[in-house]
Protein backbone atom coordinates (compact mmCIF):
# COMPACT_ATOMS: atom_id res chain seq x y z
CA MET A 1 -0.28 0.39 -0.34
CA GLY A 2 3.24 2.33 0.20
CA MET A 3 2.16 3.73 3.55
CA GLU A 4 4.57 3.26 7.09
CA LEU A 5 3.62 4.40 10.16
CA LYS A 6 6.49 7.03 11.58
CA ILE A 7 6.99 7.77 14.93
CA ILE A 8 7.24 11.84 15.07
CA SER A 9 7.79 12.72 18.96
CA PRO A 10 9.57 11.51 21.05
CA LYS A 11 11.96 10.16 18.50
CA GLU A 12 13.39 6.60 19.56
CA ASP A 13 16.07 8.10 21.57
CA GLY A 14 13.69 10.43 23.40
CA PHE A 15 11.34 7.73 25.18
CA ILE A 16 12.46 7.32 28.65
CA LYS A 17 15.00 4.66 29.09
CA SER A 18 15.30 4.93 33.01
CA ILE A 19 13.21 6.48 35.92
CA GLU A 20 15.55 7.42 38.35
CA PHE A 21 14.87 8.14 42.07
CA ASN A 22 16.96 8.30 45.01
CA HIS A 23 16.87 4.38 45.35
CA ALA A 24 20.71 3.74 46.72
CA GLU A 25 19.66 6.03 49.41
CA LEU A 26 16.32 4.72 50.39
CA LYS A 27 17.60 1.38 50.51
CA ALA A 28 20.29 2.21 52.71
CA GLY A 29 18.44 4.07 55.09
CA LEU A 30 15.42 1.58 55.01
CA GLN A 31 18.26 -1.47 55.72
CA GLU A 32 19.85 0.52 58.61
CA SER A 33 16.03 1.75 60.05
CA LEU A 34 14.86 -1.80 60.08
CA LYS A 35 17.26 -3.72 61.92
CA LYS A 36 15.61 -2.84 65.20
CA TYR A 37 12.72 -5.15 63.94
CA GLU A 38 14.88 -8.27 63.39
CA GLY A 39 14.47 -10.84 66.12
CA LEU A 40 12.39 -8.34 67.88
CA VAL A 41 9.98 -10.43 69.91
CA TYR A 42 6.48 -8.57 71.44
CA THR A 43 5.10 -9.74 74.87
CA ASP A 44 1.79 -9.10 76.25
CA ASP A 45 2.64 -5.80 77.48
CA THR A 46 4.21 -4.69 74.40
CA VAL A 47 1.58 -5.83 72.26
CA GLN A 48 0.46 -1.73 71.67
CA ASP A 49 3.94 -1.12 70.68
CA ALA A 50 3.79 -4.18 67.75
CA LYS A 51 0.24 -2.34 66.53
CA LYS A 52 2.09 1.27 66.57
CA ASP A 53 5.64 -0.24 64.87
CA ARG A 54 3.32 -2.31 61.92
CA ALA A 55 1.29 1.20 61.30
CA THR A 56 4.59 3.03 60.58
CA LEU A 57 5.91 0.08 58.57
CA ASN A 58 2.63 0.07 56.39
CA LYS A 59 2.29 3.71 55.98
CA PHE A 60 5.84 3.86 54.59
CA LYS A 61 4.66 1.19 52.37
CA GLN A 62 1.65 2.41 51.15
CA ALA A 63 3.54 5.79 50.03
CA LEU A 64 6.15 3.68 48.03
CA ASN A 65 3.24 2.51 46.09
CA ALA A 66 1.12 5.60 45.70
CA LYS A 67 4.28 7.16 43.76
CA ARG A 68 4.55 3.82 41.81
CA LEU A 69 1.15 4.36 40.06
CA GLU A 70 1.56 7.75 39.90
CA ILE A 71 4.60 7.75 37.61
CA LYS A 72 3.24 4.65 36.07
CA ARG A 73 -0.13 6.83 34.99
CA LEU A 74 2.23 9.56 33.54
CA CYS A 75 4.52 7.02 31.55
CA LEU A 76 0.87 5.61 30.15
CA ALA A 77 -0.27 8.68 29.40
CA PRO A 78 1.08 9.12 25.94
CA TYR A 79 0.92 5.60 25.05
CA ASP A 80 -2.93 5.63 26.26
CA SER A 81 -3.27 8.20 23.07
CA PHE A 82 -1.03 6.41 21.19
CA GLU A 83 -2.77 2.75 21.34
CA ALA A 84 -6.10 4.47 20.97
CA ARG A 85 -5.29 6.56 17.55
CA ILE A 86 -3.62 3.10 16.11
CA LYS A 87 -6.62 1.05 16.79
CA GLU A 88 -8.48 4.00 15.14
CA LEU A 89 -6.52 3.06 11.86
CA THR A 90 -6.91 -1.19 12.06
CA GLY A 91 -10.61 -0.31 12.55
CA LEU A 92 -10.48 1.05 8.77
CA VAL A 93 -8.51 -1.69 7.61
CA ASP A 94 -11.09 -4.15 9.16
CA LYS A 95 -13.74 -3.49 7.08
CA PRO A 96 -12.92 -3.94 3.86
CA MET A 97 -10.55 -7.43 5.53
CA LEU A 98 -13.95 -8.46 6.92
CA ALA A 99 -15.37 -8.30 3.26
CA ILE A 100 -12.85 -10.41 1.64
CA ASP A 101 -12.66 -12.99 4.29
CA GLY A 102 -16.60 -13.64 3.51
CA GLN A 103 -16.17 -14.31 -0.23
CA VAL A 104 -12.95 -16.19 0.81
CA LYS A 105 -15.31 -18.54 2.97
CA GLY A 106 -17.94 -18.63 0.22
CA TYR A 107 -15.28 -19.96 -2.15
CA GLU A 108 -14.22 -22.17 0.72
CA GLU A 109 -17.21 -23.98 1.64
CA ARG A 110 -18.54 -23.75 -1.88
CA LYS A 111 -15.60 -26.19 -3.14
CA ARG A 112 -15.87 -28.33 0.69
CA SER A 113 -19.53 -29.20 -0.61
CA GLU A 114 -18.38 -30.10 -4.05
CA LYS A 115 -15.96 -32.28 -2.33
CA GLN A 116 -18.54 -33.45 0.09
CA GLY A 117 -20.79 -34.65 -2.95
CA ALA A 118 -18.12 -36.34 -4.68
CA ILE A 119 -16.61 -38.26 -1.58
CA GLU A 120 -20.57 -39.48 -1.19
CA SER A 121 -21.04 -40.50 -4.69
CA TYR A 122 -18.11 -42.40 -4.58
CA TRP A 123 -19.12 -44.49 -1.67
CA ASN A 124 -22.57 -45.18 -3.02
CA SER A 125 -20.20 -46.22 -6.27
CA VAL A 126 -18.16 -48.79 -4.30
CA GLU A 127 -19.48 -52.43 -4.62
CA THR A 128 -20.18 -53.59 -1.50
CA ASN A 129 -22.60 -55.40 0.53
CA VAL A 130 -21.84 -54.15 3.88
CA ARG A 131 -22.85 -50.59 2.64
CA THR A 132 -26.48 -50.87 3.78
CA LEU A 133 -24.78 -51.34 7.13
CA VAL A 134 -22.81 -48.66 7.31
CA ASP A 135 -23.97 -44.69 7.53
CA ILE A 136 -21.23 -42.77 5.41
CA LYS A 137 -21.81 -40.30 8.72
CA ARG A 138 -20.93 -42.33 11.15
CA VAL A 139 -17.26 -42.87 9.62
CA PHE A 140 -17.14 -39.92 8.08
CA ASN A 141 -13.99 -37.93 8.87
CA PRO A 142 -13.58 -33.73 8.22
CA ARG A 143 -10.26 -33.82 6.90
CA TRP A 144 -11.79 -35.41 3.70
CA LEU A 145 -12.89 -32.44 2.76
CA ASN A 146 -9.55 -30.23 3.45
CA VAL A 147 -8.21 -29.07 0.35
CA THR A 148 -4.65 -30.75 1.31
CA PHE A 149 -6.27 -33.98 1.24
CA SER A 150 -6.47 -35.18 -2.10
CA MET A 151 -9.41 -37.47 -3.29
CA ILE A 152 -7.45 -40.42 -4.10
CA ASN A 153 -6.46 -40.53 -0.30
CA VAL A 154 -10.36 -40.14 0.20
CA GLU A 155 -11.08 -43.08 -1.96
CA LYS A 156 -8.25 -45.38 0.11
CA GLU A 157 -10.06 -44.52 3.38
CA ILE A 158 -13.46 -45.42 2.37
CA THR A 159 -12.03 -48.59 0.45
CA ASP A 160 -10.30 -49.75 3.64
CA VAL A 161 -13.25 -48.92 6.14
CA PHE A 162 -15.77 -51.66 3.70
CA SER A 163 -12.78 -54.27 3.53
CA LYS A 164 -11.98 -53.79 7.96
CA VAL A 165 -16.15 -54.07 8.24
CA GLU A 166 -16.31 -56.92 5.94
CA SER A 167 -13.35 -58.84 7.29
CA GLU A 168 -14.54 -58.58 11.20
CA LEU A 169 -18.29 -59.45 10.26
CA THR A 170 -17.04 -62.52 8.54
CA VAL A 171 -15.03 -63.13 11.83
CA ILE A 172 -18.35 -62.84 13.81
CA GLU A 173 -20.19 -64.95 11.30
CA GLU A 174 -17.92 -68.00 12.12
CA LEU A 175 -18.27 -67.55 15.29
CA LYS A 176 -21.57 -69.52 15.06
CA THR A 177 -23.41 -67.95 18.08
CA GLU A 178 -27.14 -68.01 18.67
CA PHE A 179 -26.43 -64.62 19.56
CA GLU A 180 -25.04 -63.10 16.26
CA ASP A 181 -27.88 -60.75 15.33
CA GLN A 182 -26.97 -59.21 19.16
CA VAL A 183 -23.31 -59.11 18.61
CA VAL A 184 -23.53 -57.41 14.87
CA ARG A 185 -25.66 -54.63 16.32
CA VAL A 186 -22.83 -54.38 19.06
CA TYR A 187 -20.20 -54.15 16.54
CA LEU A 188 -22.23 -51.52 14.47
CA GLN A 189 -22.31 -49.22 17.10
CA GLU A 190 -18.48 -48.51 17.36
CA PHE A 191 -17.05 -50.82 14.28
CA SER A 192 -14.70 -52.37 17.12
CA ILE A 193 -14.41 -56.36 16.93
CA ALA A 194 -13.01 -56.41 20.49
CA THR A 195 -16.16 -55.32 21.84
CA ALA A 196 -18.24 -57.45 19.77
CA LEU A 197 -16.36 -60.58 20.45
CA ALA A 198 -16.81 -59.54 24.30
CA GLU A 199 -20.45 -59.13 24.09
CA ASN A 200 -20.38 -62.44 22.47
CA THR A 201 -18.65 -63.83 25.29
CA LYS A 202 -21.17 -61.71 27.88
CA LEU A 203 -24.17 -63.39 26.57
CA VAL A 204 -23.14 -67.12 26.69
CA ASP A 205 -22.01 -66.46 30.00
CA GLN A 206 -25.43 -65.22 30.66
CA LYS A 207 -27.14 -68.22 28.88
CA LYS A 208 -25.16 -70.87 31.13
CA LYS A 209 -25.52 -69.09 34.22
CA ARG A 210 -29.58 -68.86 33.46
CA GLU A 211 -29.54 -72.67 32.32
CA GLU A 212 -27.55 -73.59 35.75
CA TYR A 213 -30.29 -71.88 37.81
CA ALA A 214 -32.95 -73.80 36.24
CA LYS A 215 -31.25 -76.93 36.79
CA ALA A 216 -30.73 -76.04 40.27
CA GLN A 217 -34.47 -74.88 40.72
CA GLN A 218 -35.71 -78.03 39.23
CA ALA A 219 -33.31 -80.34 41.55
CA LYS A 220 -34.65 -78.85 44.18
CA ALA A 221 -38.27 -79.08 43.58
CA GLU A 222 -38.14 -82.62 42.56
CA ALA A 223 -36.18 -83.35 46.13
CA ALA A 224 -38.85 -81.56 47.77
CA ALA A 225 -41.36 -83.84 46.09
CA ALA A 226 -39.75 -87.03 46.64
CA LYS A 227 -39.11 -85.56 50.29
CA ALA A 228 -43.20 -84.81 50.45
CA GLN A 229 -44.06 -88.42 49.23
CA GLU A 230 -41.79 -90.10 51.68
CA GLN A 231 -43.19 -88.16 54.54
CA ARG A 232 -46.78 -88.96 53.11
CA ALA A 233 -45.92 -92.70 52.61
CA ALA A 234 -44.17 -92.75 56.29
CA THR A 235 -47.40 -91.72 57.92
CA ARG A 236 -50.08 -93.53 56.20
CA PRO A 237 -51.67 -95.86 58.52
CA VAL A 238 -51.84 -99.72 57.16
CA GLU A 239 -54.85 -100.60 55.29
CA GLU A 240 -57.27 -102.98 56.94
CA ALA A 241 -56.24 -106.57 55.15
CA PRO A 242 -59.16 -108.52 53.29
CA GLN A 243 -60.71 -111.61 55.47
CA GLN A 244 -59.19 -113.66 52.98
CA PRO A 245 -56.21 -113.82 51.32
CA VAL A 246 -55.77 -111.36 48.45
CA GLU A 247 -53.21 -111.52 45.76
CA GLN A 248 -50.64 -108.06 45.53
CA PRO A 249 -49.93 -107.01 41.90
CA VAL A 250 -46.51 -107.69 41.30
CA PRO A 251 -44.84 -106.31 38.67
CA ALA A 252 -43.62 -109.31 35.49
CA GLN A 253 -39.64 -108.53 36.65
CA ILE A 254 -40.26 -109.10 40.59
CA LYS A 255 -42.68 -111.87 40.02
CA ALA A 256 -40.43 -113.54 37.60
CA GLU A 257 -37.70 -113.58 40.33
CA VAL A 258 -39.13 -114.18 43.52
CA GLU A 259 -41.26 -117.36 42.15
CA PRO A 260 -38.86 -119.02 40.09
CA LYS A 261 -41.06 -122.16 38.49
CA ASP A 262 -38.83 -124.67 40.58
CA ASP A 263 -39.07 -122.91 43.88
CA PRO A 264 -42.75 -123.48 44.97
CA ILE A 265 -44.80 -120.90 47.04
CA LYS A 266 -44.91 -121.42 50.57
CA GLN A 267 -47.59 -120.52 53.36
CA ILE A 268 -45.71 -119.03 56.96
CA ASP A 269 -47.96 -117.44 59.34
CA PHE A 270 -46.51 -114.80 62.36
CA ARG A 271 -47.19 -112.13 64.48
CA VAL A 272 -45.67 -109.14 64.72
CA TRP A 273 -45.50 -105.95 66.89
CA VAL A 274 -45.47 -102.42 65.12
CA THR A 275 -45.96 -98.84 65.18
CA THR A 276 -48.01 -97.08 62.55
CA ASP A 277 -44.66 -96.11 60.77
CA GLN A 278 -42.79 -99.64 60.88
CA SER A 279 -46.15 -101.35 59.69
CA ALA A 280 -46.27 -98.56 56.52
CA LYS A 281 -42.53 -99.55 55.94
CA LEU A 282 -43.52 -103.02 56.19
CA ARG A 283 -46.10 -103.09 53.91
CA ASN A 284 -44.14 -101.55 51.25
CA PHE A 285 -41.47 -104.29 52.03
CA LEU A 286 -43.91 -106.65 51.09
CA ILE A 287 -45.34 -104.83 48.10
CA THR A 288 -41.61 -103.93 46.62
CA THR A 289 -40.65 -107.75 46.84
CA GLY A 290 -43.64 -109.18 45.97
CA ILE A 291 -44.37 -111.13 48.75
CA ARG A 292 -48.33 -111.91 48.67
CA TYR A 293 -50.00 -111.45 52.29
CA GLY A 294 -53.19 -111.68 53.73
CA HIS A 295 -55.56 -111.32 56.91
CA VAL A 296 -54.86 -114.32 59.30
CA GLU A 297 -57.49 -114.73 61.77
CA ASP A 298 -56.81 -114.72 65.55
CA LYS A 299 -57.28 -118.57 66.83
CA GLN A 300 -57.64 -117.03 70.38
CA ALA A 301 -60.73 -114.72 69.58
CA ALA A 302 -62.59 -117.39 67.60
């Protein structure tokens, strides 16, 4: 633009190089005056003296800071004026810059939109069975739209995505798992084969635990039923035997064992003294072994 900012006043050698004051004198005087406070210990009786000493030191400190701020304002006064005028000039420059920026951004957005369309077109042109399972938004890389990132590199990364998904879905299919639908669904959420395999393991373990629980419950129910049946059998009174001997039904297999053809049936009369529980057990024993039994008349009563 052929314009240059030139400092007219002060000249380069006219700027304040240093602010001089009686630093050495004040420092020496302070060091001498402050010696009396070194190691000074106040007691309960001299606490008021401590407060006075602190007030004296604080007053001197405030005086030093007040002078510092005064000199700072004096030094910054010309700079503040200079800064305001420079900002006025930069404001004039900003106006056309903003207009240019708008056009540049519009151009860049248009090119990005065109590249977005080219990327989607290539995505839809790739021959693969998994494209229907993968939404381009899930794997889209923002750097694909950068001017410095060529379409050749974009196409390679898209091809790699499809290849990876095809390969890892094949791994899941070869598991032959009954939970394939759930595992594939988890895989398509993050495209992580490790996460998918972990999900399959979890589902298999859960099914195994459910089956073990069901078996345990069934065994528990069967044991309870058997115990209840034993208790009923143990407490059932011996049924009144018929007046005439009645042959008890005997399974064919047991009958064949207890009645061999060469061993004739013998009749034995005897009397037993039993409790109700023993009577039930005796009756079950006779039935189980296939021994016929019947009522015997009490001759003494006759």
